[in-house]
Amino acid sequence: MGNLSAKYWEQRYVDKNTGWDVGEIVPQWKVYFDELAFHNKEKRILIPGAGLGHEAEYLHHIGFKKVHVLDWSTTAIDRFKERIPSFPVSHCHVGDFFTHKGTYDIIVEQTFFCAIDPQLRQEYVRTIDNLLGKDGIWVALLFNTQFEHDGPPFGGSMEQYLDLFKAIFKELIIEEEPASIDSRKGREVFMIGRK
């Protein structure tokens, strides 16, 4: 994977070189999580590549008790734990998504998929399939654009995503105009995959 290693990401957090982090939860996740909270706060949720964990923080504050964060970076997870001391330490995981063990009802995808080498996308799909329980849901905010520079971030298209994920989900929903932040408007799609 070249420079996209645990060491690479750890250094990005040490240096505070985290341009993808907007400092708070983005609007689309607020909309989705508030709706989810209305129905069921008992869902077991994983946020891979959680970074500083703004999505997990929001879920935690609105009453979800089974949220797990996973990141390669010890610094990112430590900063998250310092910021939200009431978050269960046992739900904070430092490690490799591709070898993570567990069973989850929902996997939240926020800026992790675009950070991995595109050659690992099939493996990402297999890992999602393995981590989701029966009737599990994958929800994702993905770039719907190609970037001119070498990634990360790595872009993609709705067609690529549908082709990639159709093997593991019986239903795939795409919202082409999610509630994006201004700098990402028109360049993201919101996807929900149901097993």
Protein backbone atom coordinates (compact mmCIF):
# COMPACT_ATOMS: atom_id res chain seq x y z
CA MET A 1 0.00 0.00 0.00
CA GLY A 2 2.99 2.28 -0.20
CA ASN A 3 2.60 5.40 1.88
CA LEU A 4 -0.98 4.54 2.93
CA SER A 5 0.21 2.71 6.01
CA ALA A 6 -0.54 2.96 9.72
CA LYS A 7 2.67 4.97 10.10
CA TYR A 8 1.59 7.38 7.34
CA TRP A 9 -1.81 8.07 8.95
CA GLU A 10 -0.36 8.33 12.44
CA GLN A 11 2.06 10.98 11.22
CA ARG A 12 -0.78 12.93 9.60
CA TYR A 13 -2.54 13.12 12.99
CA VAL A 14 0.67 13.90 14.88
CA ASP A 15 1.34 16.77 12.46
CA LYS A 16 -2.35 17.83 12.55
CA ASN A 17 -2.30 17.51 8.76
CA THR A 18 -5.94 16.47 8.58
CA GLY A 19 -7.56 18.62 5.92
CA TRP A 20 -10.44 16.16 5.50
CA ASP A 21 -11.54 16.81 9.09
CA VAL A 22 -14.01 19.72 9.11
CA GLY A 23 -14.04 19.93 12.91
CA GLU A 24 -17.61 18.75 13.40
CA ILE A 25 -20.21 16.31 12.13
CA VAL A 26 -21.35 17.12 8.58
CA PRO A 27 -25.05 17.92 7.95
CA GLN A 28 -25.93 14.68 6.13
CA TRP A 29 -24.96 12.57 9.14
CA LYS A 30 -27.02 14.73 11.51
CA VAL A 31 -30.08 14.15 9.34
CA TYR A 32 -29.51 10.40 9.15
CA PHE A 33 -28.58 9.90 12.82
CA ASP A 34 -31.52 11.94 14.10
CA GLU A 35 -33.86 9.76 12.03
CA LEU A 36 -32.11 6.62 13.27
CA ALA A 37 -32.42 7.78 16.90
CA PHE A 38 -36.15 8.15 16.44
CA HIS A 39 -36.42 4.43 15.62
CA ASN A 40 -33.74 2.51 17.52
CA LYS A 41 -30.79 3.57 19.68
CA GLU A 42 -29.78 -0.04 20.40
CA LYS A 43 -27.98 -0.59 17.11
CA ARG A 44 -24.36 -1.76 17.27
CA ILE A 45 -22.48 0.73 15.07
CA LEU A 46 -18.92 0.73 13.70
CA ILE A 47 -17.19 3.80 12.27
CA PRO A 48 -14.01 2.64 10.50
CA GLY A 49 -11.27 5.18 9.88
CA ALA A 50 -13.08 7.27 12.49
CA GLY A 51 -10.25 9.75 12.96
CA LEU A 52 -11.27 12.37 15.53
CA GLY A 53 -14.72 10.80 15.67
CA HIS A 54 -17.19 13.66 15.19
CA GLU A 55 -19.86 11.20 14.02
CA ALA A 56 -19.31 8.94 17.04
CA GLU A 57 -19.40 11.93 19.36
CA TYR A 58 -22.77 13.02 17.97
CA LEU A 59 -24.22 9.50 18.21
CA HIS A 60 -22.95 9.19 21.78
CA HIS A 61 -24.50 12.52 22.81
CA ILE A 62 -27.92 11.62 21.37
CA GLY A 63 -28.02 8.37 23.33
CA PHE A 64 -26.46 5.57 21.29
CA LYS A 65 -24.57 3.24 23.66
CA LYS A 66 -23.13 0.69 21.22
CA VAL A 67 -20.99 2.87 18.96
CA HIS A 68 -17.45 1.68 18.14
CA VAL A 69 -14.65 3.72 16.58
CA LEU A 70 -11.72 2.19 14.71
CA ASP A 71 -8.63 3.88 13.35
CA TRP A 72 -5.01 3.04 12.57
CA SER A 73 -3.86 6.17 14.38
CA THR A 74 -3.29 5.96 18.12
CA THR A 75 -3.08 9.75 18.24
CA ALA A 76 -6.51 10.14 16.61
CA ILE A 77 -8.14 7.68 19.02
CA ASP A 78 -6.37 9.23 22.04
CA ARG A 79 -7.60 12.71 21.06
CA PHE A 80 -11.10 11.34 20.65
CA LYS A 81 -11.02 9.72 24.11
CA GLU A 82 -9.71 12.94 25.70
CA ARG A 83 -12.46 14.98 24.06
CA ILE A 84 -15.29 12.61 25.04
CA PRO A 85 -14.26 11.01 28.37
CA SER A 86 -17.73 9.48 28.84
CA PHE A 87 -17.33 7.36 25.68
CA PRO A 88 -16.60 3.69 26.57
CA VAL A 89 -12.86 3.03 26.24
CA SER A 90 -13.63 -0.58 25.28
CA HIS A 91 -15.40 0.77 22.17
CA CYS A 92 -12.26 2.56 20.95
CA HIS A 93 -10.16 0.36 18.67
CA VAL A 94 -6.71 1.07 17.24
CA GLY A 95 -6.03 -1.30 14.39
CA ASP A 96 -6.48 -2.40 10.80
CA PHE A 97 -10.03 -2.36 9.44
CA PHE A 98 -9.26 -5.35 7.22
CA THR A 99 -8.44 -7.58 10.21
CA HIS A 100 -10.98 -6.14 12.67
CA LYS A 101 -13.32 -8.68 14.29
CA GLY A 102 -16.87 -8.00 15.37
CA THR A 103 -20.48 -8.01 14.26
CA TYR A 104 -22.34 -4.77 13.68
CA ASP A 105 -25.84 -3.67 12.71
CA ILE A 106 -24.63 -0.52 10.96
CA ILE A 107 -21.29 0.53 9.47
CA VAL A 108 -20.90 4.28 8.93
CA GLU A 109 -18.60 5.27 6.06
CA GLN A 110 -17.22 8.81 6.33
CA THR A 111 -13.92 9.62 4.49
CA PHE A 112 -12.43 6.16 5.03
CA PHE A 113 -13.25 4.53 1.69
CA CYS A 114 -11.70 7.46 -0.22
CA ALA A 115 -8.50 7.16 1.84
CA ILE A 116 -7.69 3.54 1.00
CA ASP A 117 -5.83 2.42 -2.10
CA PRO A 118 -8.47 1.73 -4.82
CA GLN A 119 -6.85 -1.68 -5.35
CA LEU A 120 -8.25 -2.59 -1.90
CA ARG A 121 -11.86 -1.75 -2.71
CA GLN A 122 -12.90 -5.37 -3.35
CA GLU A 123 -11.31 -6.32 -0.04
CA TYR A 124 -13.17 -3.43 1.60
CA VAL A 125 -16.46 -4.87 0.29
CA ARG A 126 -15.60 -8.35 1.61
CA THR A 127 -14.69 -6.88 5.01
CA ILE A 128 -17.96 -4.91 5.18
CA ASP A 129 -19.82 -8.12 4.34
CA ASN A 130 -17.99 -10.01 7.12
CA LEU A 131 -18.54 -7.32 9.76
CA LEU A 132 -22.23 -6.72 9.12
CA GLY A 133 -24.70 -9.02 10.82
CA LYS A 134 -27.86 -10.40 9.24
CA ASP A 135 -29.97 -7.48 7.96
CA GLY A 136 -26.98 -5.18 8.52
CA ILE A 137 -26.79 -1.74 6.93
CA TRP A 138 -23.85 0.13 5.41
CA VAL A 139 -24.35 3.90 5.14
CA ALA A 140 -21.85 5.98 3.25
CA LEU A 141 -21.05 9.49 2.14
CA LEU A 142 -18.82 8.96 -0.91
CA PHE A 143 -17.13 11.21 -3.43
CA ASN A 144 -18.90 11.20 -6.78
CA THR A 145 -16.00 12.76 -8.64
CA GLN A 146 -12.55 11.95 -9.97
CA PHE A 147 -9.56 13.88 -8.66
CA GLU A 148 -6.78 15.09 -10.93
CA HIS A 149 -4.10 14.43 -8.31
CA ASP A 150 -2.89 11.15 -6.88
CA GLY A 151 -4.85 10.33 -3.74
CA PRO A 152 -5.78 10.21 -1.07
CA PRO A 153 -8.53 11.15 -1.44
CA PHE A 154 -9.40 8.74 -4.22
CA GLY A 155 -12.59 9.45 -6.16
CA GLY A 156 -15.15 7.34 -7.90
CA SER A 157 -18.59 7.33 -9.48
CA MET A 158 -22.08 6.10 -8.66
CA GLU A 159 -21.80 3.49 -11.40
CA GLN A 160 -18.56 2.13 -9.92
CA TYR A 161 -20.07 2.01 -6.43
CA LEU A 162 -23.23 0.23 -7.60
CA ASP A 163 -21.14 -2.33 -9.45
CA LEU A 164 -18.85 -2.80 -6.46
CA PHE A 165 -21.49 -3.23 -3.76
CA LYS A 166 -24.32 -5.01 -5.61
CA ALA A 167 -22.79 -8.40 -4.77
CA ILE A 168 -23.34 -8.05 -1.01
CA PHE A 169 -26.49 -5.94 -0.69
CA LYS A 170 -30.00 -6.92 -1.67
CA GLU A 171 -30.93 -3.24 -1.75
CA LEU A 172 -28.81 -0.20 -2.64
CA ILE A 173 -30.21 3.31 -2.35
CA ILE A 174 -28.37 6.36 -3.68
CA GLU A 175 -29.19 9.95 -2.87
CA GLU A 176 -27.46 12.10 -5.47
CA GLU A 177 -27.78 15.41 -3.61
CA PRO A 178 -27.00 14.82 0.06
CA ALA A 179 -26.69 17.62 2.59
CA SER A 180 -22.98 18.21 1.86
CA ILE A 181 -20.73 20.91 3.25
CA ASP A 182 -20.15 23.74 0.77
CA SER A 183 -16.72 22.57 -0.40
CA ARG A 184 -18.14 19.12 -1.31
CA LYS A 185 -21.53 20.14 -2.75
CA GLY A 186 -22.26 18.38 -6.02
CA ARG A 187 -19.32 16.02 -5.49
CA GLU A 188 -20.83 13.51 -3.04
CA VAL A 189 -23.49 10.82 -2.96
CA PHE A 190 -25.15 9.26 0.06
CA MET A 191 -25.57 5.50 -0.15
CA ILE A 192 -27.41 2.95 1.94
CA GLY A 193 -26.79 -0.75 1.42
CA ARG A 194 -29.03 -3.31 3.12
CA LYS A 195 -28.07 -6.97 3.42
